[in-house]
């Protein structure tokens, strides 16, 4: 809502009180007809539910107390599985048959483990469930991303796509209410060999969200680690992607501090060129990669690798 300004004239006290009362009534109203209702002025937080037609998300303002991380997780998860009174316009996200078995928050990654019924949901509902849960929970400051598992193993969409780590940017909405468009690519990734002296190529067929560039999906899978026996990680699995963007043939990758502080015991250049070679090998418009840590590229990685300039690929490191 936009409150109009009235030039330089000051409003009378009585008029100010009337306007303030009207604004408060609007902010406390319950959005109808499928309109989104965002968080209130006091918290700015919300909880997602399905709309009455179960084809879109409805945001209910969270009016409760702001608590610690674990208490907020308990509260949001409770609200996601129940409905407040007078909830004629929306439904809970999870069907009664799907159970949340456990949750673990570690290094900013919130893992939610569901019962096997999760993968039996219809595809349209599964996308909405996923988007609603992730959008709600990443509002908690300590939660940078959310990972779904099923009975302790990888979670899949009904169409068989493996779900990786997700945050609010993993989902897009268009006029057709398509929350998350999926694209497919066959790519080459570069991981460490057994003794950490060289890179090894690993071919991979991946599905990734159309809301993010292929470069992001590549870096995400480098962090997640290899799937082929004999290949080994190059980047700490606790590393998070802050941003990935490209301009003028250069891909800019911004990672969290753990990329440096938790660096693996392998050749100093391998973490850098694992990313650089993987991105440039698969993205024909990219010729170099600039790596930053928490937005800063004016630093030295490990002992002597200067991050201040973009790196071009070095395939001599590939065994």
Foldseek 3Di string as FASTA:
>chain_A
DDDDDDPPDDDDPVVVVVVVVVVVCVLPDADPDPDERFAHPPPRAWAWFAFLVNQAIHTHYDPDDDDDLVVVVVVNVVPLQDDDPPPNTGHRLDDPVKDFDDWDQDLQEIETEIEPCLLVDDQSSNLRSVLRVQARNVVRPSHPWYAYHYPPHFDAHNVGATDGTGHNLQFDQDPVRGTWDKDKDWFWFWFAFPQQQFIAIDIDIHIGTPSDDVLVVRVLVLLVFDDDPRGTHQFDVSKDWPDWDDDQQEIETEIEPCRAVVGDPHDQCRSVQSSQVRNCRGPVSHFWYQYHYPPHQQDARPPHRRRPDTGGHDCVRYD
